[in-house]
Protein backbone atom coordinates (compact mmCIF):
# COMPACT_ATOMS: atom_id res chain seq x y z
CA MET A 1 10.64 18.25 -0.55
CA SER A 2 10.62 16.78 2.94
CA ILE A 3 7.99 14.19 3.86
CA LYS A 4 6.09 14.88 7.08
CA THR A 5 2.66 13.35 6.46
CA ILE A 6 2.03 9.91 4.97
CA ALA A 7 -1.27 8.44 3.81
CA VAL A 8 -1.44 4.64 3.65
CA LEU A 9 -4.15 2.97 1.57
CA GLY A 10 -5.18 -0.45 2.82
CA GLN A 11 -5.46 -1.83 6.36
CA GLY A 12 -4.22 -5.35 5.61
CA GLN A 13 -0.93 -6.90 6.64
CA MET A 14 1.21 -4.51 4.60
CA GLY A 15 -0.80 -1.34 5.13
CA SER A 16 -0.97 -1.93 8.88
CA GLY A 17 2.74 -2.70 9.02
CA ILE A 18 3.72 0.44 7.12
CA THR A 19 1.44 2.52 9.35
CA GLN A 20 2.83 0.98 12.54
CA HIS A 21 6.44 1.49 11.54
CA ALA A 22 6.06 5.00 10.11
CA ALA A 23 4.16 6.24 13.17
CA ALA A 24 6.82 4.80 15.48
CA CYS A 25 9.45 6.66 13.44
CA GLY A 26 7.69 9.98 14.12
CA TYR A 27 5.71 10.47 10.92
CA GLU A 28 2.07 11.56 10.92
CA VAL A 29 0.13 8.74 9.26
CA LEU A 30 -3.40 8.73 7.88
CA LEU A 31 -4.61 5.14 7.42
CA TYR A 32 -7.34 4.73 4.83
CA GLY A 33 -9.68 1.78 4.40
CA ARG A 34 -13.15 1.52 2.90
CA ASN A 35 -14.52 -0.37 5.90
CA PRO A 36 -14.31 1.64 9.17
CA GLU A 37 -14.61 -1.52 11.30
CA LYS A 38 -11.65 -3.17 9.56
CA VAL A 39 -9.61 0.01 9.93
CA ALA A 40 -10.42 0.14 13.66
CA LYS A 41 -9.35 -3.50 14.02
CA ALA A 42 -6.08 -2.71 12.23
CA VAL A 43 -5.35 0.14 14.66
CA ASN A 44 -6.15 -2.18 17.56
CA ARG A 45 -3.63 -4.71 16.22
CA ILE A 46 -1.04 -1.95 15.91
CA GLU A 47 -1.63 -0.85 19.50
CA LYS A 48 -1.26 -4.46 20.72
CA SER A 49 1.97 -4.78 18.75
CA TYR A 50 3.32 -1.62 20.38
CA GLY A 51 2.26 -3.08 23.72
CA ARG A 52 4.31 -6.22 23.11
CA ASN A 53 7.29 -4.02 22.24
CA VAL A 54 6.87 -2.19 25.55
CA GLU A 55 6.75 -5.52 27.42
CA LYS A 56 9.97 -6.61 25.70
CA GLY A 57 11.72 -3.31 26.42
CA ARG A 58 11.90 -2.27 22.76
CA MET A 59 9.95 0.93 23.38
CA THR A 60 8.67 2.88 26.37
CA GLU A 61 5.07 3.69 27.29
CA GLU A 62 5.84 7.26 26.23
CA ASP A 63 7.07 6.02 22.83
CA LYS A 64 3.90 3.96 22.43
CA ALA A 65 1.67 6.91 23.29
CA ALA A 66 3.55 9.18 20.86
CA ALA A 67 3.32 6.60 18.06
CA MET A 68 -0.42 6.06 18.59
CA ALA A 69 -0.93 9.84 18.57
CA ASN A 70 0.67 9.92 15.11
CA ILE A 71 -2.04 7.65 13.65
CA ARG A 72 -5.32 8.94 12.25
CA THR A 73 -7.85 6.97 10.23
CA THR A 74 -10.40 7.65 7.53
CA SER A 75 -12.79 5.88 5.21
CA ARG A 76 -13.00 8.90 2.89
CA LEU A 77 -10.35 8.89 0.17
CA GLU A 78 -10.73 12.67 -0.16
CA ASP A 79 -9.14 13.08 3.27
CA VAL A 80 -5.68 12.10 1.97
CA LYS A 81 -5.49 15.22 -0.22
CA GLY A 82 -3.15 17.15 2.08
CA CYS A 83 -0.57 14.41 2.65
CA ASP A 84 2.97 14.69 1.28
CA ILE A 85 3.02 11.10 0.03
CA VAL A 86 0.40 8.39 -0.45
CA ILE A 87 1.60 4.79 -0.18
CA GLU A 88 -0.88 2.38 -1.76
CA ALA A 89 -0.98 -1.09 -0.21
CA VAL A 90 -4.25 -2.54 -1.51
CA ALA A 91 -4.72 -5.98 -3.11
CA GLU A 92 -2.40 -7.08 -5.94
CA ASP A 93 -4.90 -6.23 -8.66
CA LEU A 94 -3.61 -3.93 -11.39
CA GLU A 95 -6.99 -2.47 -12.34
CA LEU A 96 -7.81 -1.80 -8.68
CA LYS A 97 -4.50 -0.01 -8.21
CA LYS A 98 -4.94 2.03 -11.37
CA ASP A 99 -8.41 3.07 -10.25
CA PHE A 100 -7.05 4.31 -6.92
CA PHE A 101 -4.22 6.21 -8.62
CA ARG A 102 -6.66 7.75 -11.07
CA GLN A 103 -8.70 9.08 -8.14
CA LEU A 104 -5.64 10.15 -6.14
CA ASP A 105 -4.32 12.14 -9.09
CA LYS A 106 -7.45 14.28 -8.98
CA ILE A 107 -7.70 14.50 -5.19
CA CYS A 108 -4.13 15.16 -4.04
CA LYS A 109 -2.20 18.42 -4.16
CA PRO A 110 0.12 18.70 -7.21
CA GLU A 111 3.31 18.07 -5.26
CA THR A 112 2.07 14.86 -3.58
CA ILE A 113 4.09 11.75 -4.44
CA LEU A 114 2.04 8.65 -5.21
CA ALA A 115 3.82 5.40 -4.34
CA THR A 116 2.72 1.81 -4.78
CA ASN A 117 3.78 -1.06 -2.53
CA THR A 118 3.20 -3.61 -5.31
CA SER A 119 5.51 -6.62 -5.02
CA SER A 120 5.79 -7.25 -8.75
CA MET A 121 3.48 -5.15 -10.95
CA SER A 122 4.49 -2.54 -13.51
CA ILE A 123 4.95 0.94 -12.04
CA SER A 124 4.70 2.34 -15.57
CA ALA A 125 1.24 0.80 -16.07
CA ILE A 126 0.06 2.38 -12.82
CA ALA A 127 1.61 5.73 -13.76
CA GLU A 128 -0.38 5.77 -17.00
CA ALA A 129 -3.55 6.18 -14.94
CA THR A 130 -2.35 9.63 -13.79
CA ASN A 131 -1.20 12.97 -15.15
CA ARG A 132 1.74 13.17 -12.72
CA GLY A 133 4.09 10.51 -14.05
CA ASP A 134 7.09 12.33 -12.59
CA LYS A 135 5.70 11.77 -9.08
CA ILE A 136 4.85 8.07 -9.44
CA ILE A 137 7.22 5.54 -7.87
CA GLY A 138 7.34 2.07 -6.36
CA MET A 139 8.07 1.51 -2.67
CA HIS A 140 8.11 -2.23 -2.08
CA PHE A 141 8.26 -2.94 1.65
CA PHE A 142 8.78 -6.44 3.01
CA SER A 143 6.72 -8.25 5.63
CA PRO A 144 6.69 -7.89 8.57
CA VAL A 145 7.39 -4.23 7.86
CA PRO A 146 8.56 -3.23 11.38
CA ILE A 147 11.21 -5.97 11.26
CA MET A 148 12.34 -6.33 7.64
CA LYS A 149 14.94 -3.72 6.69
CA LEU A 150 14.60 -3.56 2.91
CA VAL A 151 12.59 -1.25 0.68
CA GLU A 152 12.91 -1.62 -3.09
CA ILE A 153 12.50 1.80 -4.72
CA ILE A 154 11.32 1.23 -8.29
CA LEU A 155 11.62 3.87 -10.99
CA CYS A 156 9.62 4.01 -14.19
CA PRO A 157 10.72 6.12 -17.19
CA SER A 158 8.63 9.08 -16.06
CA THR A 159 9.83 9.17 -12.42
CA SER A 160 11.82 12.33 -11.70
CA ASP A 161 15.16 12.44 -9.90
CA ALA A 162 13.58 14.72 -7.30
CA THR A 163 10.88 12.15 -6.54
CA TYR A 164 13.46 9.41 -6.15
CA GLU A 165 15.62 11.53 -3.81
CA THR A 166 12.61 12.42 -1.66
CA VAL A 167 11.58 8.77 -1.34
CA ARG A 168 15.16 7.69 -0.63
CA GLU A 169 15.32 10.27 2.18
CA LEU A 170 11.99 8.96 3.51
CA CYS A 171 13.44 5.44 3.60
CA ASP A 172 16.38 6.81 5.59
CA GLY A 173 13.92 8.42 8.01
CA LEU A 174 12.14 5.08 8.33
CA LYS A 175 15.51 3.47 9.17
CA LYS A 176 15.24 1.22 6.12
CA VAL A 177 17.87 -0.04 3.70
CA SER A 178 16.77 1.06 0.23
CA VAL A 179 17.87 -0.23 -3.15
CA LYS A 180 17.26 1.53 -6.46
CA ILE A 181 15.57 -0.50 -9.20
CA LEU A 182 16.62 1.18 -12.45
CA LYS A 183 14.36 -0.82 -14.75
CA ASP A 184 10.65 -1.37 -14.15
CA THR A 185 10.71 -5.15 -14.51
CA PRO A 186 8.35 -7.81 -13.07
CA GLY A 187 9.34 -8.94 -9.57
CA PHE A 188 12.12 -6.34 -9.26
CA ILE A 189 15.08 -7.97 -7.45
CA VAL A 190 13.84 -9.94 -4.47
CA ASN A 191 10.61 -11.48 -5.75
CA ARG A 192 12.20 -12.47 -9.05
CA VAL A 193 14.83 -14.43 -7.13
CA LEU A 194 12.48 -15.53 -4.35
CA PHE A 195 9.81 -16.98 -6.62
CA ALA A 196 12.35 -18.90 -8.67
CA TYR A 197 13.41 -20.44 -5.34
CA PHE A 198 9.82 -21.05 -4.16
CA LEU A 199 8.80 -22.66 -7.44
CA GLU A 200 11.75 -25.03 -7.50
CA CYS A 201 10.94 -26.15 -3.94
CA ILE A 202 7.31 -26.74 -4.94
CA HIS A 203 8.44 -28.73 -8.00
CA ILE A 204 10.56 -30.95 -5.73
CA TYR A 205 7.48 -31.48 -3.53
CA GLU A 206 5.07 -32.11 -6.44
CA GLU A 207 7.50 -34.55 -8.07
CA GLY A 208 7.48 -36.64 -4.89
CA ILE A 209 11.19 -36.18 -4.23
CA ALA A 210 10.66 -35.05 -0.63
CA SER A 211 7.92 -33.92 1.76
CA LYS A 212 7.41 -30.21 2.38
CA GLU A 213 8.54 -30.77 5.97
CA ASP A 214 11.83 -32.28 4.84
CA ILE A 215 12.34 -29.60 2.20
CA ASP A 216 11.91 -26.95 4.90
CA LEU A 217 14.29 -28.83 7.18
CA ALA A 218 16.88 -29.22 4.41
CA ILE A 219 16.83 -25.56 3.42
CA LYS A 220 17.02 -24.35 7.03
CA ASN A 221 19.95 -26.57 7.90
CA GLY A 222 21.67 -26.83 4.53
CA LEU A 223 21.49 -23.15 3.53
CA ASN A 224 21.20 -21.73 7.06
CA HIS A 225 17.91 -19.98 6.28
CA PRO A 226 15.90 -18.95 9.38
CA MET A 227 12.70 -20.35 7.85
CA GLY A 228 11.91 -23.02 5.29
CA PRO A 229 10.24 -22.09 1.96
CA PHE A 230 6.82 -23.57 2.76
CA ASN A 231 6.68 -21.80 6.13
CA LEU A 232 7.78 -18.60 4.42
CA MET A 233 5.11 -18.91 1.72
CA ASP A 234 2.47 -19.38 4.42
CA MET A 235 3.71 -16.30 6.26
CA GLY A 236 3.64 -14.15 3.12
CA GLY A 237 0.19 -15.36 2.08
CA LEU A 238 -0.78 -17.74 -0.70
CA ASP A 239 -3.60 -15.46 -1.87
CA THR A 240 -1.12 -13.22 -3.69
CA PHE A 241 1.12 -16.04 -4.93
CA PRO A 242 -0.77 -16.76 -8.21
CA HIS A 243 -0.91 -13.04 -9.01
CA VAL A 244 2.86 -12.65 -8.61
CA CYS A 245 3.45 -15.73 -10.78
CA GLU A 246 1.19 -14.26 -13.46
CA THR A 247 3.17 -11.02 -13.45
CA LEU A 248 6.53 -12.83 -13.56
CA GLN A 249 5.38 -14.85 -16.56
CA ALA A 250 6.09 -11.75 -18.64
CA ILE A 251 9.76 -12.74 -18.16
CA ASP A 252 9.30 -16.45 -18.90
CA LYS A 253 5.87 -18.07 -19.23
CA ASP A 254 6.92 -21.61 -18.37
CA ARG A 255 9.54 -20.86 -15.74
CA PHE A 256 7.15 -18.79 -13.59
CA ALA A 257 3.91 -20.75 -14.13
CA CYS A 258 1.92 -21.10 -10.90
CA PRO A 259 1.93 -24.74 -9.67
CA LYS A 260 -1.36 -26.65 -9.39
CA SER A 261 -0.86 -27.26 -5.67
CA VAL A 262 -0.72 -23.51 -4.95
CA LYS A 263 -3.76 -22.80 -7.14
CA LYS A 264 -5.70 -25.46 -5.22
CA LEU A 265 -4.81 -24.00 -1.82
CA ALA A 266 -5.66 -20.47 -2.97
CA ALA A 267 -8.99 -21.59 -4.47
CA GLU A 268 -9.89 -23.24 -1.14
CA GLY A 269 -9.13 -20.03 0.75
CA LYS A 270 -6.14 -21.61 2.48
CA TYR A 271 -3.83 -18.61 2.37
CA GLY A 272 -1.43 -19.58 5.14
CA MET A 273 -1.00 -18.05 8.59
CA LYS A 274 -3.59 -15.33 7.99
CA THR A 275 -6.38 -17.93 7.55
CA GLY A 276 -4.99 -20.61 9.86
CA GLU A 277 -4.19 -23.05 7.06
CA GLY A 278 -2.00 -23.12 3.98
CA TRP A 279 0.81 -25.56 3.38
CA TYR A 280 0.58 -26.14 7.14
CA THR A 281 -2.16 -25.73 9.76
CA TYR A 282 -1.84 -22.99 12.39
CA ASN A 283 -3.69 -22.02 15.55
CA LYS A 284 -5.46 -18.73 14.90
């Protein structure tokens, strides 16, 4: 099976990024969101991003026009029924995801692949909400999607070889580097490693060993990272941080417990760059 049409569920940071990148790579993309105004704003952000790429010489006006022509929108979930693959990128809430997959299983044509962009949740648990376990798979993109190369392809016991090969070929078409996750485990590869790193940096901060500014400075200059951990957490969004920690606690309850400082920021709605304040304050 060759993928030509992609439906993306969710117009947030990840859904918009997947839509932007896939459309620029020549795929027909149907962007779904419950709120038409939010979907329209997402498309406007995508167009502005293309415009910046034109200004910087990364794409031509013709490329921009072609990419924009590849994007359609809808607020009716039924409209995704004819797409070859649906990539879900809604909030990191297992019951919400399962509800969408339950609906998609009834709506979509039998051959449609249903993929989730979850960063840490069980693909198997999501697959249980459907009657097409062989066509359920994880496609974990990284933010910002147009820039970050990696996609983690996560298999669950029911995922067929044909589904994996189709998704791997799609990743090739999207000019992504894909890795195959053989075991459906919390956090997969990157987030399992990344959150161990984040949490240790937060522990150093909470224990009063160093300020977050100096921790960022030390990591950037001592490990040659392009961005410090607190800046990186703010860019990724602190709203999802507690949810990922909760999922990773299936591996080790104490090791992956969410720190109090993160819970406080999340409870106050200080999610990082997207809200203008997180560990640091930003100009929105």
